PDB file of N, CA and C in Angstrom:
ATOM      1  N   MET A   1      29.098  25.449  -0.606  1.00  0.00           N
ATOM      2  CA  MET A   1      28.457  25.552  -1.913  1.00  0.00           C
ATOM      3  C   MET A   1      29.348  26.612  -2.715  1.00  0.00           C
ATOM      4  N   LYS A   2      29.670  26.347  -3.957  1.00  0.00           N
ATOM      5  CA  LYS A   2      30.462  27.234  -4.874  1.00  0.00           C
ATOM      6  C   LYS A   2      29.468  28.209  -5.538  1.00  0.00           C
ATOM      7  N   VAL A   3      29.838  29.467  -5.584  1.00  0.00           N
ATOM      8  CA  VAL A   3      28.994  30.391  -6.271  1.00  0.00           C
ATOM      9  C   VAL A   3      29.507  30.525  -7.700  1.00  0.00           C
ATOM     10  N   GLU A   4      28.714  30.462  -8.642  1.00  0.00           N
ATOM     11  CA  GLU A   4      29.099  30.555 -10.080  1.00  0.00           C
ATOM     12  C   GLU A   4      28.863  32.007 -10.508  1.00  0.00           C
ATOM     13  N   GLN A   5      29.754  32.494 -11.334  1.00  0.00           N
ATOM     14  CA  GLN A   5      29.721  33.826 -11.923  1.00  0.00           C
ATOM     15  C   GLN A   5      28.894  33.751 -13.226  1.00  0.00           C
ATOM     16  N   ALA A   6      28.175  34.781 -13.482  1.00  0.00           N
ATOM     17  CA  ALA A   6      27.389  34.771 -14.688  1.00  0.00           C
ATOM     18  C   ALA A   6      28.334  34.982 -15.861  1.00  0.00           C
ATOM     19  N   PRO A   7      28.035  34.386 -17.027  1.00  0.00           N
ATOM     20  CA  PRO A   7      28.911  34.448 -18.116  1.00  0.00           C
ATOM     21  C   PRO A   7      29.031  35.907 -18.634  1.00  0.00           C
ATOM     22  N   ARG A   8      30.198  36.303 -19.085  1.00  0.00           N
ATOM     23  CA  ARG A   8      30.370  37.623 -19.600  1.00  0.00           C
ATOM     24  C   ARG A   8      29.956  37.691 -21.107  1.00  0.00           C
ATOM     25  N   LEU A   9      29.255  38.831 -21.430  1.00  0.00           N
ATOM     26  CA  LEU A   9      28.930  38.997 -22.770  1.00  0.00           C
ATOM     27  C   LEU A   9      30.312  39.345 -23.613  1.00  0.00           C
ATOM     28  N   ALA A  10      30.150  39.096 -24.911  1.00  0.00           N
ATOM     29  CA  ALA A  10      31.348  39.426 -25.817  1.00  0.00           C
ATOM     30  C   ALA A  10      31.381  40.864 -25.855  1.00  0.00           C
ATOM     31  N   THR A  11      32.622  41.380 -25.717  1.00  0.00           N
ATOM     32  CA  THR A  11      32.797  42.888 -25.656  1.00  0.00           C
ATOM     33  C   THR A  11      33.797  43.316 -26.740  1.00  0.00           C
ATOM     34  N   ILE A  12      33.663  44.536 -27.145  1.00  0.00           N
ATOM     35  CA  ILE A  12      34.599  45.233 -27.997  1.00  0.00           C
ATOM     36  C   ILE A  12      35.067  46.439 -27.299  1.00  0.00           C
ATOM     37  N   GLU A  13      36.355  46.385 -26.713  1.00  0.00           N
ATOM     38  CA  GLU A  13      36.987  47.320 -25.968  1.00  0.00           C
ATOM     39  C   GLU A  13      36.070  47.798 -24.805  1.00  0.00           C
ATOM     40  N   GLY A  14      35.607  46.807 -24.093  1.00  0.00           N
ATOM     41  CA  GLY A  14      34.677  46.955 -22.928  1.00  0.00           C
ATOM     42  C   GLY A  14      33.210  47.387 -23.202  1.00  0.00           C
ATOM     43  N   ILE A  15      32.916  47.437 -24.389  1.00  0.00           N
ATOM     44  CA  ILE A  15      31.486  47.654 -24.710  1.00  0.00           C
ATOM     45  C   ILE A  15      30.814  46.347 -25.194  1.00  0.00           C
ATOM     46  N   ALA A  16      29.741  45.963 -24.664  1.00  0.00           N
ATOM     47  CA  ALA A  16      29.024  44.750 -24.943  1.00  0.00           C
ATOM     48  C   ALA A  16      28.621  44.730 -26.451  1.00  0.00           C
ATOM     49  N   MET A  17      28.703  43.629 -27.131  1.00  0.00           N
ATOM     50  CA  MET A  17      28.390  43.488 -28.496  1.00  0.00           C
ATOM     51  C   MET A  17      26.928  43.709 -28.765  1.00  0.00           C
ATOM     52  N   ARG A  18      26.646  44.449 -29.846  1.00  0.00           N
ATOM     53  CA  ARG A  18      25.263  44.742 -30.192  1.00  0.00           C
ATOM     54  C   ARG A  18      25.136  44.421 -31.700  1.00  0.00           C
ATOM     55  N   ILE A  19      23.887  43.926 -32.093  1.00  0.00           N
ATOM     56  CA  ILE A  19      23.658  43.631 -33.469  1.00  0.00           C
ATOM     57  C   ILE A  19      22.494  44.534 -33.888  1.00  0.00           C
ATOM     58  N   LYS A  20      22.624  45.059 -35.177  1.00  0.00           N
ATOM     59  CA  LYS A  20      21.675  46.017 -35.739  1.00  0.00           C
ATOM     60  C   LYS A  20      20.624  45.135 -36.533  1.00  0.00           C
ATOM     61  N   CYS A  21      19.518  44.831 -35.847  1.00  0.00           N
ATOM     62  CA  CYS A  21      18.441  44.128 -36.605  1.00  0.00           C
ATOM     63  C   CYS A  21      17.804  45.053 -37.644  1.00  0.00           C
ATOM     64  N   PRO A  22      17.605  44.529 -38.903  1.00  0.00           N
ATOM     65  CA  PRO A  22      16.993  45.313 -39.908  1.00  0.00           C
ATOM     66  C   PRO A  22      15.605  45.851 -39.494  1.00  0.00           C
ATOM     67  N   TRP A  23      14.878  45.192 -38.657  1.00  0.00           N
ATOM     68  CA  TRP A  23      13.542  45.685 -38.232  1.00  0.00           C
ATOM     69  C   TRP A  23      13.504  46.410 -36.948  1.00  0.00           C
ATOM     70  N   CYS A  24      14.292  46.031 -35.889  1.00  0.00           N
ATOM     71  CA  CYS A  24      14.183  46.626 -34.592  1.00  0.00           C
ATOM     72  C   CYS A  24      15.329  47.549 -34.298  1.00  0.00           C
ATOM     73  N   GLY A  25      16.380  47.674 -35.153  1.00  0.00           N
ATOM     74  CA  GLY A  25      17.566  48.532 -34.873  1.00  0.00           C
ATOM     75  C   GLY A  25      18.497  47.970 -34.110  1.00  0.00           C
ATOM     76  N   ASP A  26      19.379  48.790 -33.531  1.00  0.00           N
ATOM     77  CA  ASP A  26      20.511  48.406 -32.727  1.00  0.00           C
ATOM     78  C   ASP A  26      20.045  47.749 -31.369  1.00  0.00           C
ATOM     79  N   ARG A  27      20.344  46.537 -31.165  1.00  0.00           N
ATOM     80  CA  ARG A  27      19.866  45.750 -29.949  1.00  0.00           C
ATOM     81  C   ARG A  27      21.011  44.983 -29.240  1.00  0.00           C
ATOM     82  N   PRO A  28      20.789  44.778 -27.949  1.00  0.00           N
ATOM     83  CA  PRO A  28      21.880  44.039 -27.241  1.00  0.00           C
ATOM     84  C   PRO A  28      21.991  42.615 -27.578  1.00  0.00           C
ATOM     85  N   LEU A  29      23.184  42.099 -27.407  1.00  0.00           N
ATOM     86  CA  LEU A  29      23.350  40.713 -27.704  1.00  0.00           C
ATOM     87  C   LEU A  29      22.498  39.635 -27.064  1.00  0.00           C
ATOM     88  N   ASP A  30      22.092  39.934 -25.843  1.00  0.00           N
ATOM     89  CA  ASP A  30      21.194  38.978 -25.147  1.00  0.00           C
ATOM     90  C   ASP A  30      19.813  38.729 -25.754  1.00  0.00           C
ATOM     91  N   GLU A  31      19.468  39.524 -26.712  1.00  0.00           N
ATOM     92  CA  GLU A  31      18.182  39.354 -27.457  1.00  0.00           C
ATOM     93  C   GLU A  31      18.324  38.389 -28.579  1.00  0.00           C
ATOM     94  N   PHE A  32      19.591  38.032 -28.880  1.00  0.00           N
ATOM     95  CA  PHE A  32      19.821  37.089 -30.050  1.00  0.00           C
ATOM     96  C   PHE A  32      20.293  35.722 -29.628  1.00  0.00           C
ATOM     97  N   SER A  33      20.030  34.708 -30.499  1.00  0.00           N
ATOM     98  CA  SER A  33      20.517  33.327 -30.338  1.00  0.00           C
ATOM     99  C   SER A  33      21.398  33.007 -31.557  1.00  0.00           C
ATOM    100  N   TYR A  34      22.542  32.633 -31.184  1.00  0.00           N
ATOM    101  CA  TYR A  34      23.565  32.132 -32.217  1.00  0.00           C
ATOM    102  C   TYR A  34      23.070  30.794 -32.786  1.00  0.00           C
ATOM    103  N   SER A  35      23.061  30.737 -34.160  1.00  0.00           N
ATOM    104  CA  SER A  35      22.438  29.527 -34.772  1.00  0.00           C
ATOM    105  C   SER A  35      23.479  28.803 -35.654  1.00  0.00           C
ATOM    106  N   GLY A  36      24.740  29.190 -35.687  1.00  0.00           N
ATOM    107  CA  GLY A  36      25.724  28.348 -36.393  1.00  0.00           C
ATOM    108  C   GLY A  36      26.306  29.074 -37.560  1.00  0.00           C
ATOM    109  N   ASP A  37      27.173  28.319 -38.289  1.00  0.00           N
ATOM    110  CA  ASP A  37      27.970  28.789 -39.415  1.00  0.00           C
ATOM    111  C   ASP A  37      27.073  28.777 -40.646  1.00  0.00           C
ATOM    112  N   ALA A  38      26.998  29.945 -41.285  1.00  0.00           N
ATOM    113  CA  ALA A  38      26.194  30.120 -42.490  1.00  0.00           C
ATOM    114  C   ALA A  38      26.915  29.777 -43.735  1.00  0.00           C
ATOM    115  N   THR A  39      28.130  29.224 -43.622  1.00  0.00           N
ATOM    116  CA  THR A  39      28.767  28.868 -44.865  1.00  0.00           C
ATOM    117  C   THR A  39      28.837  27.328 -45.150  1.00  0.00           C
ATOM    118  N   VAL A  40      28.353  26.590 -44.138  1.00  0.00           N
ATOM    119  CA  VAL A  40      28.179  25.170 -44.321  1.00  0.00           C
ATOM    120  C   VAL A  40      27.116  24.818 -45.285  1.00  0.00           C
ATOM    121  N   ARG A  41      27.291  23.980 -46.257  1.00  0.00           N
ATOM    122  CA  ARG A  41      26.290  23.521 -47.189  1.00  0.00           C
ATOM    123  C   ARG A  41      25.884  22.117 -47.012  1.00  0.00           C
ATOM    124  N   ARG A  42      24.641  21.750 -47.077  1.00  0.00           N
ATOM    125  CA  ARG A  42      24.080  20.493 -47.031  1.00  0.00           C
ATOM    126  C   ARG A  42      24.611  19.562 -48.119  1.00  0.00           C
ATOM    127  N   PRO A  43      24.925  18.310 -47.835  1.00  0.00           N
ATOM    128  CA  PRO A  43      25.461  17.405 -48.931  1.00  0.00           C
ATOM    129  C   PRO A  43      24.440  17.192 -50.029  1.00  0.00           C
ATOM    130  N   ASP A  44      24.913  17.220 -51.245  1.00  0.00           N
ATOM    131  CA  ASP A  44      23.983  16.966 -52.380  1.00  0.00           C
ATOM    132  C   ASP A  44      23.453  15.471 -52.426  1.00  0.00           C
ATOM    133  N   GLU A  45      22.364  15.300 -53.150  1.00  0.00           N
ATOM    134  CA  GLU A  45      21.706  14.004 -53.115  1.00  0.00           C
ATOM    135  C   GLU A  45      22.612  12.820 -53.568  1.00  0.00           C
ATOM    136  N   ALA A  46      23.600  13.045 -54.408  1.00  0.00           N
ATOM    137  CA  ALA A  46      24.485  12.091 -54.967  1.00  0.00           C
ATOM    138  C   ALA A  46      25.355  11.518 -53.821  1.00  0.00           C
ATOM    139  N   SER A  47      25.781  12.309 -52.907  1.00  0.00           N
ATOM    140  CA  SER A  47      26.687  11.863 -51.836  1.00  0.00           C
ATOM    141  C   SER A  47      25.948  11.689 -50.466  1.00  0.00           C
ATOM    142  N   ALA A  48      24.667  11.917 -50.504  1.00  0.00           N
ATOM    143  CA  ALA A  48      23.777  11.891 -49.188  1.00  0.00           C
ATOM    144  C   ALA A  48      23.713  10.551 -48.577  1.00  0.00           C
ATOM    145  N   ALA A  49      23.932   9.434 -49.371  1.00  0.00           N
ATOM    146  CA  ALA A  49      23.721   8.111 -48.837  1.00  0.00           C
ATOM    147  C   ALA A  49      24.972   7.721 -48.089  1.00  0.00           C
ATOM    148  N   ASP A  50      26.186   8.353 -48.236  1.00  0.00           N
ATOM    149  CA  ASP A  50      27.357   8.009 -47.576  1.00  0.00           C
ATOM    150  C   ASP A  50      27.407   8.499 -46.123  1.00  0.00           C
ATOM    151  N   PRO A  51      27.371   7.556 -45.096  1.00  0.00           N
ATOM    152  CA  PRO A  51      27.392   7.997 -43.733  1.00  0.00           C
ATOM    153  C   PRO A  51      28.538   8.901 -43.397  1.00  0.00           C
ATOM    154  N   ALA A  52      29.724   8.762 -44.001  1.00  0.00           N
ATOM    155  CA  ALA A  52      30.830   9.562 -43.672  1.00  0.00           C
ATOM    156  C   ALA A  52      30.685  10.973 -44.134  1.00  0.00           C
ATOM    157  N   VAL A  53      29.888  11.165 -45.201  1.00  0.00           N
ATOM    158  CA  VAL A  53      29.623  12.536 -45.690  1.00  0.00           C
ATOM    159  C   VAL A  53      28.663  13.221 -44.657  1.00  0.00           C
ATOM    160  N   TRP A  54      27.730  12.480 -44.151  1.00  0.00           N
ATOM    161  CA  TRP A  54      26.748  13.066 -43.123  1.00  0.00           C
ATOM    162  C   TRP A  54      27.514  13.407 -41.843  1.00  0.00           C
ATOM    163  N   GLN A  55      28.418  12.453 -41.463  1.00  0.00           N
ATOM    164  CA  GLN A  55      29.205  12.711 -40.247  1.00  0.00           C
ATOM    165  C   GLN A  55      29.917  14.025 -40.426  1.00  0.00           C
ATOM    166  N   ASP A  56      30.604  14.210 -41.471  1.00  0.00           N
ATOM    167  CA  ASP A  56      31.403  15.469 -41.679  1.00  0.00           C
ATOM    168  C   ASP A  56      30.455  16.711 -41.633  1.00  0.00           C
ATOM    169  N   TYR A  57      29.363  16.561 -42.280  1.00  0.00           N
ATOM    170  CA  TYR A  57      28.354  17.655 -42.265  1.00  0.00           C
ATOM    171  C   TYR A  57      27.869  18.026 -40.921  1.00  0.00           C
ATOM    172  N   VAL A  58      27.498  17.016 -40.175  1.00  0.00           N
ATOM    173  CA  VAL A  58      26.875  17.279 -38.843  1.00  0.00           C
ATOM    174  C   VAL A  58      27.924  17.709 -37.776  1.00  0.00           C
ATOM    175  N   TYR A  59      29.099  17.041 -37.718  1.00  0.00           N
ATOM    176  CA  TYR A  59      29.991  17.170 -36.686  1.00  0.00           C
ATOM    177  C   TYR A  59      31.305  17.939 -36.811  1.00  0.00           C
ATOM    178  N   LEU A  60      31.747  18.018 -38.035  1.00  0.00           N
ATOM    179  CA  LEU A  60      33.020  18.674 -38.252  1.00  0.00           C
ATOM    180  C   LEU A  60      32.817  20.121 -38.674  1.00  0.00           C
ATOM    181  N   ARG A  61      33.427  20.969 -37.882  1.00  0.00           N
ATOM    182  CA  ARG A  61      33.402  22.488 -38.176  1.00  0.00           C
ATOM    183  C   ARG A  61      34.760  23.023 -38.105  1.00  0.00           C
ATOM    184  N   ASP A  62      35.070  24.028 -38.893  1.00  0.00           N
ATOM    185  CA  ASP A  62      36.251  24.884 -38.768  1.00  0.00           C
ATOM    186  C   ASP A  62      36.144  25.802 -37.614  1.00  0.00           C
ATOM    187  N   ASN A  63      37.303  26.251 -37.135  1.00  0.00           N
ATOM    188  CA  ASN A  63      37.326  27.208 -36.030  1.00  0.00           C
ATOM    189  C   ASN A  63      38.076  28.378 -36.542  1.00  0.00           C
ATOM    190  N   PRO A  64      37.397  29.218 -37.374  1.00  0.00           N
ATOM    191  CA  PRO A  64      38.028  30.327 -38.107  1.00  0.00           C
ATOM    192  C   PRO A  64      38.402  31.476 -37.202  1.00  0.00           C
ATOM    193  N   THR A  65      39.315  32.366 -37.650  1.00  0.00           N
ATOM    194  CA  THR A  65      39.569  33.610 -36.939  1.00  0.00           C
ATOM    195  C   THR A  65      39.244  34.748 -38.101  1.00  0.00           C
ATOM    196  N   GLY A  66      39.047  35.874 -37.668  1.00  0.00           N
ATOM    197  CA  GLY A  66      38.754  36.950 -38.580  1.00  0.00           C
ATOM    198  C   GLY A  66      37.260  37.025 -38.898  1.00  0.00           C
ATOM    199  N   ARG A  67      37.040  37.522 -40.134  1.00  0.00           N
ATOM    200  CA  ARG A  67      35.640  37.625 -40.607  1.00  0.00           C
ATOM    201  C   ARG A  67      35.013  36.299 -40.870  1.00  0.00           C
ATOM    202  N   HIS A  68      33.696  36.201 -40.476  1.00  0.00           N
ATOM    203  CA  HIS A  68      32.980  34.945 -40.649  1.00  0.00           C
ATOM    204  C   HIS A  68      31.520  35.297 -40.740  1.00  0.00           C
ATOM    205  N   ILE A  69      30.772  34.359 -41.547  1.00  0.00           N
ATOM    206  CA  ILE A  69      29.396  34.593 -41.693  1.00  0.00           C
ATOM    207  C   ILE A  69      28.645  33.537 -40.883  1.00  0.00           C
ATOM    208  N   GLU A  70      27.635  34.104 -40.127  1.00  0.00           N
ATOM    209  CA  GLU A  70      26.895  33.252 -39.220  1.00  0.00           C
ATOM    210  C   GLU A  70      25.432  33.415 -39.259  1.00  0.00           C
ATOM    211  N   TYR A  71      24.658  32.533 -38.829  1.00  0.00           N
ATOM    212  CA  TYR A  71      23.141  32.674 -38.633  1.00  0.00           C
ATOM    213  C   TYR A  71      22.905  33.059 -37.234  1.00  0.00           C
ATOM    214  N   TRP A  72      21.979  33.990 -36.995  1.00  0.00           N
ATOM    215  CA  TRP A  72      21.582  34.498 -35.719  1.00  0.00           C
ATOM    216  C   TRP A  72      20.032  34.655 -35.790  1.00  0.00           C
ATOM    217  N   GLN A  73      19.369  34.466 -34.700  1.00  0.00           N
ATOM    218  CA  GLN A  73      17.912  34.720 -34.658  1.00  0.00           C
ATOM    219  C   GLN A  73      17.695  35.778 -33.567  1.00  0.00           C
ATOM    220  N   HIS A  74      16.834  36.750 -33.946  1.00  0.00           N
ATOM    221  CA  HIS A  74      16.415  37.752 -32.958  1.00  0.00           C
ATOM    222  C   HIS A  74      15.408  37.172 -32.127  1.00  0.00           C
ATOM    223  N   ALA A  75      15.744  36.254 -31.234  1.00  0.00           N
ATOM    224  CA  ALA A  75      14.737  35.537 -30.482  1.00  0.00           C
ATOM    225  C   ALA A  75      14.082  36.352 -29.400  1.00  0.00           C
ATOM    226  N   GLY A  76      14.661  37.449 -28.979  1.00  0.00           N
ATOM    227  CA  GLY A  76      14.112  38.270 -27.982  1.00  0.00           C
ATOM    228  C   GLY A  76      13.424  39.505 -28.534  1.00  0.00           C
ATOM    229  N   GLY A  77      13.119  39.525 -29.804  1.00  0.00           N
ATOM    230  CA  GLY A  77      12.593  40.638 -30.588  1.00  0.00           C
ATOM    231  C   GLY A  77      11.610  40.213 -31.532  1.00  0.00           C
ATOM    232  N   CYS A  78      11.914  40.587 -32.840  1.00  0.00           N
ATOM    233  CA  CYS A  78      11.062  40.230 -33.999  1.00  0.00           C
ATOM    234  C   CYS A  78      11.090  38.806 -34.443  1.00  0.00           C
ATOM    235  N   ARG A  79      11.993  37.985 -33.945  1.00  0.00           N
ATOM    236  CA  ARG A  79      12.211  36.603 -34.280  1.00  0.00           C
ATOM    237  C   ARG A  79      12.613  36.413 -35.656  1.00  0.00           C
ATOM    238  N   SER A  80      13.180  37.345 -36.289  1.00  0.00           N
ATOM    239  CA  SER A  80      13.694  37.217 -37.665  1.00  0.00           C
ATOM    240  C   SER A  80      15.047  36.409 -37.655  1.00  0.00           C
ATOM    241  N   TRP A  81      15.273  35.647 -38.756  1.00  0.00           N
ATOM    242  CA  TRP A  81      16.523  35.009 -38.817  1.00  0.00           C
ATOM    243  C   TRP A  81      17.484  35.898 -39.640  1.00  0.00           C
ATOM    244  N   LEU A  82      18.717  36.086 -39.178  1.00  0.00           N
ATOM    245  CA  LEU A  82      19.582  36.976 -39.748  1.00  0.00           C
ATOM    246  C   LEU A  82      20.919  36.351 -40.185  1.00  0.00           C
ATOM    247  N   ILE A  83      21.603  36.976 -41.217  1.00  0.00           N
ATOM    248  CA  ILE A  83      22.942  36.509 -41.548  1.00  0.00           C
ATOM    249  C   ILE A  83      23.823  37.651 -41.116  1.00  0.00           C
ATOM    250  N   VAL A  84      24.768  37.291 -40.274  1.00  0.00           N
ATOM    251  CA  VAL A  84      25.570  38.358 -39.627  1.00  0.00           C
ATOM    252  C   VAL A  84      27.067  38.018 -40.124  1.00  0.00           C
ATOM    253  N   GLU A  85      27.760  39.015 -40.621  1.00  0.00           N
ATOM    254  CA  GLU A  85      29.133  38.813 -40.885  1.00  0.00           C
ATOM    255  C   GLU A  85      29.931  39.654 -39.896  1.00  0.00           C
ATOM    256  N   ARG A  86      30.717  38.919 -39.056  1.00  0.00           N
ATOM    257  CA  ARG A  86      31.407  39.538 -37.942  1.00  0.00           C
ATOM    258  C   ARG A  86      32.905  39.020 -37.858  1.00  0.00           C
ATOM    259  N   ASN A  87      33.676  39.845 -37.234  1.00  0.00           N
ATOM    260  CA  ASN A  87      35.018  39.406 -36.980  1.00  0.00           C
ATOM    261  C   ASN A  87      35.021  38.553 -35.630  1.00  0.00           C
ATOM    262  N   ILE A  88      35.303  37.340 -35.762  1.00  0.00           N
ATOM    263  CA  ILE A  88      35.214  36.388 -34.573  1.00  0.00           C
ATOM    264  C   ILE A  88      36.273  36.866 -33.554  1.00  0.00           C
ATOM    265  N   THR A  89      37.410  37.416 -33.937  1.00  0.00           N
ATOM    266  CA  THR A  89      38.373  37.759 -32.979  1.00  0.00           C
ATOM    267  C   THR A  89      38.004  38.998 -32.233  1.00  0.00           C
ATOM    268  N   THR A  90      37.535  40.028 -32.818  1.00  0.00           N
ATOM    269  CA  THR A  90      37.222  41.278 -32.205  1.00  0.00           C
ATOM    270  C   THR A  90      35.796  41.498 -31.895  1.00  0.00           C
ATOM    271  N   HIS A  91      34.902  40.531 -32.432  1.00  0.00           N
ATOM    272  CA  HIS A  91      33.465  40.699 -32.235  1.00  0.00           C
ATOM    273  C   HIS A  91      32.829  41.951 -32.964  1.00  0.00           C
ATOM    274  N   GLU A  92      33.541  42.541 -33.844  1.00  0.00           N
ATOM    275  CA  GLU A  92      33.100  43.686 -34.693  1.00  0.00           C
ATOM    276  C   GLU A  92      32.047  43.106 -35.723  1.00  0.00           C
ATOM    277  N   ILE A  93      30.903  43.762 -35.779  1.00  0.00           N
ATOM    278  CA  ILE A  93      29.881  43.454 -36.718  1.00  0.00           C
ATOM    279  C   ILE A  93      30.082  44.214 -37.955  1.00  0.00           C
ATOM    280  N   HIS A  94      30.120  43.497 -39.111  1.00  0.00           N
ATOM    281  CA  HIS A  94      30.443  44.254 -40.437  1.00  0.00           C
ATOM    282  C   HIS A  94      29.074  44.362 -41.284  1.00  0.00           C
ATOM    283  N   THR A  95      28.349  43.311 -41.384  1.00  0.00           N
ATOM    284  CA  THR A  95      27.028  43.388 -42.035  1.00  0.00           C
ATOM    285  C   THR A  95      25.959  42.470 -41.419  1.00  0.00           C
ATOM    286  N   VAL A  96      24.733  43.039 -41.512  1.00  0.00           N
ATOM    287  CA  VAL A  96      23.611  42.264 -40.980  1.00  0.00           C
ATOM    288  C   VAL A  96      22.487  42.288 -42.106  1.00  0.00           C
ATOM    289  N   SER A  97      21.999  41.124 -42.459  1.00  0.00           N
ATOM    290  CA  SER A  97      20.929  41.123 -43.486  1.00  0.00           C
ATOM    291  C   SER A  97      19.944  39.965 -43.077  1.00  0.00           C
ATOM    292  N   LEU A  98      18.742  40.127 -43.679  1.00  0.00           N
ATOM    293  CA  LEU A  98      17.698  39.000 -43.362  1.00  0.00           C
ATOM    294  C   LEU A  98      18.118  37.709 -44.012  1.00  0.00           C
ATOM    295  N   ALA A  99      17.999  36.648 -43.397  1.00  0.00           N
ATOM    296  CA  ALA A  99      18.389  35.290 -43.983  1.00  0.00           C
ATOM    297  C   ALA A  99      17.397  34.974 -45.110  1.00  0.00           C
ATOM    298  N   ASN A 100      16.053  35.454 -45.067  1.00  0.00           N
ATOM    299  CA  ASN A 100      15.051  35.234 -46.084  1.00  0.00           C
ATOM    300  C   ASN A 100      14.495  36.654 -46.312  1.00  0.00           C
ATOM    301  N   PRO A 101      14.884  37.451 -47.269  1.00  0.00           N
ATOM    302  CA  PRO A 101      14.457  38.754 -47.540  1.00  0.00           C
ATOM    303  C   PRO A 101      12.966  38.841 -47.728  1.00  0.00           C
ATOM    304  N   GLN A 102      12.340  37.813 -48.230  1.00  0.00           N
ATOM    305  CA  GLN A 102      10.940  37.812 -48.453  1.00  0.00           C
ATOM    306  C   GLN A 102      10.059  37.616 -47.263  1.00  0.00           C
ATOM    307  N   GLN A 103      10.627  37.336 -46.105  1.00  0.00           N
ATOM    308  CA  GLN A 103       9.846  36.888 -44.970  1.00  0.00           C
ATOM    309  C   GLN A 103       8.906  38.074 -44.480  1.00  0.00           C
ATOM    310  N   ARG A 104       9.363  39.345 -44.615  1.00  0.00           N
ATOM    311  CA  ARG A 104       8.473  40.433 -44.191  1.00  0.00           C
ATOM    312  C   ARG A 104       7.601  40.896 -45.348  1.00  0.00           C
ATOM    313  N   GLU A 105       7.871  40.665 -46.548  1.00  0.00           N
ATOM    314  CA  GLU A 105       7.003  41.039 -47.649  1.00  0.00           C
ATOM    315  C   GLU A 105       5.735  40.245 -47.696  1.00  0.00           C
ATOM    316  N   SER A 106       5.738  39.060 -47.261  1.00  0.00           N
ATOM    317  CA  SER A 106       4.564  38.130 -47.309  1.00  0.00           C
ATOM    318  C   SER A 106       3.627  38.338 -46.082  1.00  0.00           C
ATOM    319  N   GLU A 107       4.096  39.110 -45.050  1.00  0.00           N
ATOM    320  CA  GLU A 107       3.214  39.327 -43.881  1.00  0.00           C
ATOM    321  C   GLU A 107       2.296  40.464 -44.110  1.00  0.00           C
TER     322      GLU A 107
END
């Protein structure tokens, strides 16, 4: 039987990546779930009937390098949805903000 190694966390110069949640503070990466590209926009109603437009929206993604904006959820903490700007090449976090700033004001 072959023994599998556990996946390695994304690191910056040997230090595991951490995300600073606006509510919980600086937290380890394993508390968060990556939820995709935050720059992709849903097709407008005029083009929504075209299956090719939906195929592009659902399946085609760029593979950028450098800074990129992504959705993350603090699944192992306060469960907030976040917008994280990070460098995909170095994993350096530049900004973190709530995806819906009103979510805590209504609680």
